Amino acid sequence: MTAPRDSWLDQAAGPVVRPYAMTKGRTAPAGGTQFSMIDLALATGQRPPDGFRLATEHRRILSLCRDPVTIVDLASDINLPVGVVRVLLGDLSAHGLLQILPSRRGATTDARLLRDVLDGLRAL
């Protein structure tokens, strides 16, 4: 009898882990904090506290957050769903390893900008 093919290994992609395994089944960031997709993440440079073990994904996030990066760009860069990235960011933020800089909230429509876009479209 031959051994069943290992379902956790894809020959082309390498190890395959389901997103919920990375977050230990959690679907929301620690402490119920909500992050907008356009909020910025920035590593603080702090060392992890005793008892908090950084997973590979945590390390990847910290290395990409040396400069401020939006959460949606971060998710794209590490090829993970935004929901998973938010949970991992919550872990890092709760332990002081990452700072979340909220995007400016306010009016999203600017009449001048809309007029410029319309003029640009007409010029095409």
C-alpha atoms as a PDB file:
ATOM      1  CA  MET A   1       0.000   0.000   0.000  1.00  0.00           C
ATOM      2  CA  THR A   2       1.401   3.396  -0.929  1.00  0.00           C
ATOM      3  CA  ALA A   3       1.371   6.294   1.499  1.00  0.00           C
ATOM      4  CA  PRO A   4      -1.248   8.972   0.789  1.00  0.00           C
ATOM      5  CA  ARG A   5       0.108  12.136  -0.739  1.00  0.00           C
ATOM      6  CA  ASP A   6       0.862  14.701   1.942  1.00  0.00           C
ATOM      7  CA  SER A   7      -1.909  17.315   1.624  1.00  0.00           C
ATOM      8  CA  TRP A   8       0.190  19.922   3.458  1.00  0.00           C
ATOM      9  CA  LEU A   9       2.805  20.038   0.703  1.00  0.00           C
ATOM     10  CA  ASP A  10       2.301  21.424  -2.776  1.00  0.00           C
ATOM     11  CA  GLN A  11       5.168  20.567  -5.112  1.00  0.00           C
ATOM     12  CA  ALA A  12       5.090  23.954  -6.830  1.00  0.00           C
ATOM     13  CA  ALA A  13       4.256  26.189  -3.850  1.00  0.00           C
ATOM     14  CA  GLY A  14       5.871  24.383  -0.938  1.00  0.00           C
ATOM     15  CA  PRO A  15       4.154  23.932   2.423  1.00  0.00           C
ATOM     16  CA  VAL A  16       0.470  24.788   2.425  1.00  0.00           C
ATOM     17  CA  VAL A  17      -1.149  26.009   5.631  1.00  0.00           C
ATOM     18  CA  ARG A  18      -4.737  27.132   5.894  1.00  0.00           C
ATOM     19  CA  PRO A  19      -5.138  30.774   6.991  1.00  0.00           C
ATOM     20  CA  TYR A  20      -7.116  29.852  10.101  1.00  0.00           C
ATOM     21  CA  ALA A  21      -4.193  27.713  11.255  1.00  0.00           C
ATOM     22  CA  MET A  22      -1.965  30.819  11.257  1.00  0.00           C
ATOM     23  CA  THR A  23      -4.410  32.672  13.488  1.00  0.00           C
ATOM     24  CA  LYS A  24      -5.271  29.647  15.646  1.00  0.00           C
ATOM     25  CA  GLY A  25      -8.879  29.923  14.526  1.00  0.00           C
ATOM     26  CA  ARG A  26      -9.254  33.584  15.500  1.00  0.00           C
ATOM     27  CA  THR A  27     -11.118  35.838  13.116  1.00  0.00           C
ATOM     28  CA  ALA A  28     -10.718  39.179  14.910  1.00  0.00           C
ATOM     29  CA  PRO A  29      -7.630  41.028  16.206  1.00  0.00           C
ATOM     30  CA  ALA A  30      -6.716  40.784  19.890  1.00  0.00           C
ATOM     31  CA  GLY A  31      -8.756  43.063  22.106  1.00  0.00           C
ATOM     32  CA  GLY A  32     -11.413  43.527  19.437  1.00  0.00           C
ATOM     33  CA  THR A  33      -9.409  46.298  17.767  1.00  0.00           C
ATOM     34  CA  GLN A  34     -10.538  47.018  14.229  1.00  0.00           C
ATOM     35  CA  PHE A  35      -8.118  48.144  11.537  1.00  0.00           C
ATOM     36  CA  SER A  36      -9.077  49.873   8.316  1.00  0.00           C
ATOM     37  CA  MET A  37      -7.486  48.518   5.168  1.00  0.00           C
ATOM     38  CA  ILE A  38      -5.810  51.876   4.618  1.00  0.00           C
ATOM     39  CA  ASP A  39      -4.448  52.284   8.154  1.00  0.00           C
ATOM     40  CA  LEU A  40      -0.654  52.290   8.317  1.00  0.00           C
ATOM     41  CA  ALA A  41       1.404  49.718  10.188  1.00  0.00           C
ATOM     42  CA  LEU A  42       4.833  50.624  11.556  1.00  0.00           C
ATOM     43  CA  ALA A  43       7.234  48.431  13.528  1.00  0.00           C
ATOM     44  CA  THR A  44       8.263  49.938  16.869  1.00  0.00           C
ATOM     45  CA  GLY A  45      11.649  48.230  17.045  1.00  0.00           C
ATOM     46  CA  GLN A  46      10.838  46.752  20.467  1.00  0.00           C
ATOM     47  CA  ARG A  47      11.918  43.242  21.374  1.00  0.00           C
ATOM     48  CA  PRO A  48       9.207  40.610  21.830  1.00  0.00           C
ATOM     49  CA  PRO A  49       8.192  40.152  25.462  1.00  0.00           C
ATOM     50  CA  ASP A  50       9.009  36.916  27.252  1.00  0.00           C
ATOM     51  CA  GLY A  51       6.457  34.261  26.460  1.00  0.00           C
ATOM     52  CA  PHE A  52       5.466  35.671  23.071  1.00  0.00           C
ATOM     53  CA  ARG A  53       6.850  33.559  20.265  1.00  0.00           C
ATOM     54  CA  LEU A  54       6.999  35.206  16.864  1.00  0.00           C
ATOM     55  CA  ALA A  55       5.669  33.039  14.051  1.00  0.00           C
ATOM     56  CA  THR A  56       7.212  33.254  10.596  1.00  0.00           C
ATOM     57  CA  GLU A  57       4.361  35.463   9.429  1.00  0.00           C
ATOM     58  CA  HIS A  58       4.892  37.830  12.378  1.00  0.00           C
ATOM     59  CA  ARG A  59       8.547  38.184  11.412  1.00  0.00           C
ATOM     60  CA  ARG A  60       7.660  38.850   7.770  1.00  0.00           C
ATOM     61  CA  ILE A  61       5.207  41.541   8.814  1.00  0.00           C
ATOM     62  CA  LEU A  62       7.728  43.230  11.105  1.00  0.00           C
ATOM     63  CA  SER A  63      10.390  43.233   8.402  1.00  0.00           C
ATOM     64  CA  LEU A  64       8.003  44.861   5.919  1.00  0.00           C
ATOM     65  CA  CYS A  65       6.820  47.441   8.462  1.00  0.00           C
ATOM     66  CA  ARG A  66      10.152  49.135   9.014  1.00  0.00           C
ATOM     67  CA  ASP A  67       8.602  51.942   6.982  1.00  0.00           C
ATOM     68  CA  PRO A  68       4.876  52.706   7.252  1.00  0.00           C
ATOM     69  CA  VAL A  69       2.792  50.468   4.987  1.00  0.00           C
ATOM     70  CA  THR A  70      -0.953  50.217   4.514  1.00  0.00           C
ATOM     71  CA  ILE A  71      -2.606  47.053   5.754  1.00  0.00           C
ATOM     72  CA  VAL A  72      -3.963  46.199   2.318  1.00  0.00           C
ATOM     73  CA  ASP A  73      -0.498  46.590   0.740  1.00  0.00           C
ATOM     74  CA  LEU A  74       0.997  44.474   3.502  1.00  0.00           C
ATOM     75  CA  ALA A  75      -1.534  41.714   2.867  1.00  0.00           C
ATOM     76  CA  SER A  76      -0.707  41.838  -0.819  1.00  0.00           C
ATOM     77  CA  ASP A  77       3.052  41.755  -0.184  1.00  0.00           C
ATOM     78  CA  ILE A  78       2.871  38.655   2.004  1.00  0.00           C
ATOM     79  CA  ASN A  79       0.086  37.036  -0.040  1.00  0.00           C
ATOM     80  CA  LEU A  80      -2.331  36.510   2.845  1.00  0.00           C
ATOM     81  CA  PRO A  81      -5.991  37.463   3.214  1.00  0.00           C
ATOM     82  CA  VAL A  82      -6.562  40.861   4.833  1.00  0.00           C
ATOM     83  CA  GLY A  83      -8.540  39.209   7.656  1.00  0.00           C
ATOM     84  CA  VAL A  84      -5.569  37.024   8.581  1.00  0.00           C
ATOM     85  CA  VAL A  85      -3.184  39.987   8.412  1.00  0.00           C
ATOM     86  CA  ARG A  86      -5.456  41.984  10.724  1.00  0.00           C
ATOM     87  CA  VAL A  87      -5.365  39.200  13.334  1.00  0.00           C
ATOM     88  CA  LEU A  88      -1.570  38.947  13.115  1.00  0.00           C
ATOM     89  CA  LEU A  89      -1.264  42.742  13.342  1.00  0.00           C
ATOM     90  CA  GLY A  90      -3.449  42.648  16.439  1.00  0.00           C
ATOM     91  CA  ASP A  91      -1.019  40.185  18.039  1.00  0.00           C
ATOM     92  CA  LEU A  92       1.969  42.385  17.262  1.00  0.00           C
ATOM     93  CA  SER A  93       0.207  45.567  18.332  1.00  0.00           C
ATOM     94  CA  ALA A  94      -0.982  44.047  21.620  1.00  0.00           C
ATOM     95  CA  HIS A  95       2.630  43.175  22.485  1.00  0.00           C
ATOM     96  CA  GLY A  96       3.990  46.624  21.574  1.00  0.00           C
ATOM     97  CA  LEU A  97       5.892  45.424  18.518  1.00  0.00           C
ATOM     98  CA  LEU A  98       3.811  47.306  16.011  1.00  0.00           C
ATOM     99  CA  GLN A  99       2.064  50.650  15.931  1.00  0.00           C
ATOM    100  CA  ILE A 100      -1.094  51.159  13.881  1.00  0.00           C
ATOM    101  CA  LEU A 101      -1.450  54.687  12.531  1.00  0.00           C
ATOM    102  CA  PRO A 102      -5.097  55.353  11.682  1.00  0.00           C
ATOM    103  CA  SER A 103      -5.806  56.841   8.298  1.00  0.00           C
ATOM    104  CA  ARG A 104      -7.405  60.234   8.230  1.00  0.00           C
ATOM    105  CA  ARG A 105     -11.133  59.906   8.506  1.00  0.00           C
ATOM    106  CA  GLY A 106     -13.184  62.559   6.867  1.00  0.00           C
ATOM    107  CA  ALA A 107     -14.865  63.556   3.693  1.00  0.00           C
ATOM    108  CA  THR A 108     -13.788  61.260   0.911  1.00  0.00           C
ATOM    109  CA  THR A 109     -15.138  63.402  -1.882  1.00  0.00           C
ATOM    110  CA  ASP A 110     -13.361  66.499  -3.014  1.00  0.00           C
ATOM    111  CA  ALA A 111     -15.142  68.514  -5.716  1.00  0.00           C
ATOM    112  CA  ARG A 112     -11.855  69.746  -7.198  1.00  0.00           C
ATOM    113  CA  LEU A 113     -10.461  66.226  -7.414  1.00  0.00           C
ATOM    114  CA  LEU A 114     -13.636  64.927  -9.045  1.00  0.00           C
ATOM    115  CA  ARG A 115     -13.564  67.793 -11.532  1.00  0.00           C
ATOM    116  CA  ASP A 116      -9.898  67.019 -12.369  1.00  0.00           C
ATOM    117  CA  VAL A 117     -10.728  63.338 -12.914  1.00  0.00           C
ATOM    118  CA  LEU A 118     -13.671  64.250 -15.162  1.00  0.00           C
ATOM    119  CA  ASP A 119     -11.483  66.649 -17.155  1.00  0.00           C
ATOM    120  CA  GLY A 120      -8.855  63.927 -17.522  1.00  0.00           C
ATOM    121  CA  LEU A 121     -11.431  61.440 -18.761  1.00  0.00           C
ATOM    122  CA  ARG A 122     -12.774  63.925 -21.276  1.00  0.00           C
ATOM    123  CA  ALA A 123      -9.255  64.532 -22.556  1.00  0.00           C
ATOM    124  CA  LEU A 124      -8.930  60.864 -23.460  1.00  0.00           C
END
